[in-house]
């Protein structure tokens, strides 16, 4: 079974969601440590309802969005569509 890293995303506007990142993607993006490399202490996450204008933020948002799952009123999550 694959291991996951959970990053919660608090309410923003009318949205509530959770980011669930696979450890593989975090290592690929140099966010999580691998042998011989240090990990980052924190990362910024950008939900699709955030409208960035900075190119780097737009690129970050693009790879993060598939890992975002909206929460419903029962605090259950589903795939972002």
N, C-alpha and C. Protein backbone atom coordinates (compact mmCIF):
# COMPACT_ATOMS: atom_id res chain seq x y z
N UNK A 1 0.83 -1.18 0.00
CA UNK A 1 0.00 0.00 0.00
C UNK A 1 0.88 1.25 0.00
N UNK A 2 0.50 2.21 -0.78
CA UNK A 2 1.25 3.45 -0.88
C UNK A 2 1.02 4.32 0.36
N UNK A 3 2.05 5.01 0.77
CA UNK A 3 1.92 5.89 1.93
C UNK A 3 1.57 7.30 1.46
N UNK A 4 0.85 8.03 2.29
CA UNK A 4 0.42 9.37 1.92
C UNK A 4 0.78 10.37 3.01
N UNK A 5 0.93 11.59 2.59
CA UNK A 5 1.16 12.72 3.47
C UNK A 5 -0.11 13.56 3.41
N UNK A 6 -0.65 13.92 4.55
CA UNK A 6 -1.89 14.68 4.59
C UNK A 6 -1.62 16.13 4.97
N UNK A 7 -2.15 17.02 4.20
CA UNK A 7 -2.05 18.45 4.48
C UNK A 7 -3.46 19.01 4.47
N UNK A 8 -3.94 19.43 5.62
CA UNK A 8 -5.30 19.95 5.65
C UNK A 8 -5.34 21.38 5.13
N UNK A 9 -6.45 21.73 4.58
CA UNK A 9 -6.66 23.06 4.03
C UNK A 9 -7.91 23.62 4.68
N UNK A 10 -7.74 24.68 5.42
CA UNK A 10 -8.87 25.22 6.17
C UNK A 10 -9.84 25.97 5.27
N UNK A 11 -10.96 26.34 5.84
CA UNK A 11 -11.99 27.05 5.08
C UNK A 11 -11.45 28.32 4.46
N UNK A 12 -11.81 28.50 3.22
CA UNK A 12 -11.46 29.72 2.50
C UNK A 12 -12.66 30.05 1.66
N UNK A 13 -13.24 31.19 1.87
CA UNK A 13 -14.44 31.57 1.14
C UNK A 13 -15.52 30.54 1.46
N UNK A 14 -16.12 29.95 0.46
CA UNK A 14 -17.18 28.96 0.68
C UNK A 14 -16.67 27.54 0.52
N UNK A 15 -15.37 27.36 0.43
CA UNK A 15 -14.78 26.05 0.15
C UNK A 15 -14.07 25.49 1.37
N UNK A 16 -14.13 24.19 1.51
CA UNK A 16 -13.34 23.48 2.50
C UNK A 16 -12.84 22.20 1.85
N UNK A 17 -11.54 21.94 1.97
CA UNK A 17 -10.96 20.80 1.28
C UNK A 17 -9.71 20.33 2.01
N UNK A 18 -9.20 19.19 1.56
CA UNK A 18 -7.98 18.63 2.12
C UNK A 18 -7.07 18.22 0.96
N UNK A 19 -5.79 18.52 1.09
CA UNK A 19 -4.80 18.03 0.14
C UNK A 19 -4.26 16.71 0.69
N UNK A 20 -4.21 15.71 -0.18
CA UNK A 20 -3.63 14.41 0.18
C UNK A 20 -2.57 14.12 -0.86
N UNK A 21 -1.32 14.27 -0.45
CA UNK A 21 -0.19 14.09 -1.36
C UNK A 21 0.43 12.72 -1.19
N UNK A 22 0.74 12.07 -2.29
CA UNK A 22 1.49 10.83 -2.29
C UNK A 22 2.95 11.18 -1.98
N UNK A 23 3.60 10.40 -1.18
CA UNK A 23 5.00 10.67 -0.83
C UNK A 23 5.90 10.71 -2.05
N UNK A 24 5.56 9.95 -3.08
CA UNK A 24 6.37 9.93 -4.30
C UNK A 24 6.43 11.30 -4.96
N UNK A 25 5.29 11.97 -5.07
CA UNK A 25 5.27 13.28 -5.70
C UNK A 25 5.99 14.31 -4.83
N UNK A 26 5.89 14.17 -3.51
CA UNK A 26 6.58 15.10 -2.62
C UNK A 26 8.10 14.94 -2.74
N UNK A 27 8.57 13.72 -2.90
CA UNK A 27 10.00 13.49 -3.10
C UNK A 27 10.43 14.02 -4.47
N UNK A 28 9.61 13.79 -5.48
CA UNK A 28 9.92 14.27 -6.83
C UNK A 28 10.03 15.80 -6.87
N UNK A 29 9.20 16.47 -6.10
CA UNK A 29 9.20 17.94 -6.06
C UNK A 29 10.18 18.49 -5.02
N UNK A 30 11.02 17.62 -4.46
CA UNK A 30 12.02 18.01 -3.44
C UNK A 30 11.38 18.63 -2.20
N UNK A 31 10.20 18.16 -1.85
CA UNK A 31 9.52 18.64 -0.65
C UNK A 31 9.76 17.68 0.51
N UNK A 32 9.81 16.41 0.21
CA UNK A 32 10.05 15.39 1.22
C UNK A 32 11.47 14.85 1.03
N UNK A 33 12.12 14.54 2.12
CA UNK A 33 13.50 14.11 2.03
C UNK A 33 13.63 12.72 1.41
N UNK A 34 14.71 12.58 0.69
CA UNK A 34 15.15 11.28 0.19
C UNK A 34 16.60 11.16 0.63
N UNK A 35 17.19 10.02 0.45
CA UNK A 35 18.56 9.81 0.92
C UNK A 35 19.50 10.89 0.37
N UNK A 36 20.19 11.56 1.28
CA UNK A 36 21.17 12.56 0.88
C UNK A 36 20.63 13.95 0.62
N UNK A 37 19.33 14.14 0.72
CA UNK A 37 18.73 15.46 0.49
C UNK A 37 17.91 15.86 1.71
N UNK A 38 17.86 17.17 1.95
CA UNK A 38 17.05 17.67 3.06
C UNK A 38 15.66 18.02 2.57
N UNK A 39 14.69 17.87 3.46
CA UNK A 39 13.32 18.21 3.13
C UNK A 39 13.03 19.67 3.45
N UNK A 40 11.96 20.18 2.89
CA UNK A 40 11.51 21.53 3.20
C UNK A 40 10.74 21.48 4.51
N UNK A 41 10.78 22.57 5.24
CA UNK A 41 10.08 22.65 6.53
C UNK A 41 8.58 22.86 6.34
N UNK A 42 8.20 23.54 5.27
CA UNK A 42 6.79 23.82 5.00
C UNK A 42 6.61 24.07 3.51
N UNK A 43 5.38 23.93 3.06
CA UNK A 43 5.06 24.25 1.67
C UNK A 43 3.78 25.08 1.65
N UNK A 44 3.60 25.81 0.57
CA UNK A 44 2.35 26.52 0.36
C UNK A 44 1.49 25.69 -0.57
N UNK A 45 0.20 25.68 -0.30
CA UNK A 45 -0.72 24.96 -1.17
C UNK A 45 -1.70 25.96 -1.77
N UNK A 46 -2.08 25.69 -3.02
CA UNK A 46 -2.95 26.61 -3.76
C UNK A 46 -4.14 25.84 -4.33
N UNK A 47 -5.29 26.08 -3.76
CA UNK A 47 -6.52 25.44 -4.24
C UNK A 47 -6.97 26.09 -5.55
N UNK A 48 -7.81 25.41 -6.32
CA UNK A 48 -8.23 25.93 -7.62
C UNK A 48 -9.02 27.23 -7.55
N UNK A 49 -9.63 27.53 -6.43
CA UNK A 49 -10.39 28.79 -6.33
C UNK A 49 -9.49 29.98 -6.07
N UNK A 50 -8.20 29.74 -5.83
CA UNK A 50 -7.22 30.82 -5.74
C UNK A 50 -6.82 31.14 -7.18
N UNK A 51 -6.79 32.39 -7.54
CA UNK A 51 -6.47 32.80 -8.91
C UNK A 51 -5.11 33.51 -8.93
N UNK A 52 -4.03 32.74 -9.00
CA UNK A 52 -2.69 33.33 -8.97
C UNK A 52 -2.34 34.03 -10.28
N UNK A 53 -1.40 34.97 -10.19
CA UNK A 53 -0.90 35.65 -11.38
C UNK A 53 0.60 35.41 -11.58
N UNK A 54 1.27 34.95 -10.55
CA UNK A 54 2.70 34.68 -10.62
C UNK A 54 2.91 33.30 -11.26
N UNK A 55 3.80 33.23 -12.26
CA UNK A 55 4.02 32.00 -13.03
C UNK A 55 4.36 30.80 -12.15
N UNK A 56 5.25 30.98 -11.18
CA UNK A 56 5.65 29.87 -10.31
C UNK A 56 4.46 29.34 -9.49
N UNK A 57 3.61 30.24 -9.03
CA UNK A 57 2.44 29.82 -8.26
C UNK A 57 1.45 29.08 -9.17
N UNK A 58 1.28 29.54 -10.38
CA UNK A 58 0.41 28.87 -11.35
C UNK A 58 0.91 27.44 -11.60
N UNK A 59 2.21 27.27 -11.76
CA UNK A 59 2.80 25.95 -11.98
C UNK A 59 2.62 25.05 -10.75
N UNK A 60 2.82 25.62 -9.58
CA UNK A 60 2.65 24.86 -8.34
C UNK A 60 1.20 24.41 -8.19
N UNK A 61 0.29 25.32 -8.44
CA UNK A 61 -1.14 25.00 -8.35
C UNK A 61 -1.51 23.88 -9.32
N UNK A 62 -0.92 23.89 -10.51
CA UNK A 62 -1.23 22.88 -11.52
C UNK A 62 -0.89 21.47 -11.05
N UNK A 63 0.27 21.28 -10.39
CA UNK A 63 0.60 19.92 -9.96
C UNK A 63 -0.10 19.56 -8.65
N UNK A 64 -0.51 20.55 -7.85
CA UNK A 64 -1.17 20.27 -6.58
C UNK A 64 -2.65 19.92 -6.72
N UNK A 65 -3.34 20.51 -7.70
CA UNK A 65 -4.79 20.37 -7.81
C UNK A 65 -5.28 18.92 -7.85
N UNK A 66 -4.61 18.00 -8.54
CA UNK A 66 -5.10 16.61 -8.52
C UNK A 66 -5.08 15.96 -7.14
N UNK A 67 -4.40 16.57 -6.19
CA UNK A 67 -4.29 16.02 -4.84
C UNK A 67 -5.24 16.71 -3.86
N UNK A 68 -6.17 17.51 -4.37
CA UNK A 68 -7.13 18.23 -3.54
C UNK A 68 -8.47 17.52 -3.55
N UNK A 69 -9.02 17.29 -2.39
CA UNK A 69 -10.30 16.63 -2.24
C UNK A 69 -11.23 17.52 -1.42
N UNK A 70 -12.34 17.98 -2.02
CA UNK A 70 -13.30 18.80 -1.28
C UNK A 70 -13.95 18.02 -0.15
N UNK A 71 -14.28 18.71 0.91
CA UNK A 71 -15.00 18.12 2.03
C UNK A 71 -16.48 18.46 1.86
N UNK A 72 -17.34 17.50 2.17
CA UNK A 72 -18.77 17.82 2.16
C UNK A 72 -19.21 18.16 3.58
N UNK A 73 -20.48 18.39 3.77
CA UNK A 73 -20.98 18.82 5.07
C UNK A 73 -20.81 17.78 6.16
N UNK A 74 -20.60 16.53 5.77
CA UNK A 74 -20.37 15.46 6.74
C UNK A 74 -18.88 15.23 6.98
N UNK A 75 -18.04 16.17 6.49
CA UNK A 75 -16.58 16.06 6.62
C UNK A 75 -16.03 14.81 5.95
N UNK A 76 -16.67 14.38 4.86
CA UNK A 76 -16.15 13.32 4.03
C UNK A 76 -15.60 13.97 2.77
N UNK A 77 -14.56 13.37 2.21
CA UNK A 77 -13.99 13.98 1.03
C UNK A 77 -14.26 13.16 -0.20
N UNK A 78 -14.21 13.85 -1.34
CA UNK A 78 -14.43 13.22 -2.64
C UNK A 78 -13.43 13.79 -3.61
N UNK A 79 -13.27 13.18 -4.76
CA UNK A 79 -12.31 13.64 -5.76
C UNK A 79 -12.74 15.00 -6.31
N UNK A 80 -11.77 15.94 -6.41
CA UNK A 80 -12.06 17.24 -6.97
C UNK A 80 -12.41 17.07 -8.44
N UNK A 81 -13.51 17.67 -8.90
CA UNK A 81 -13.89 17.51 -10.30
C UNK A 81 -14.02 18.84 -10.99
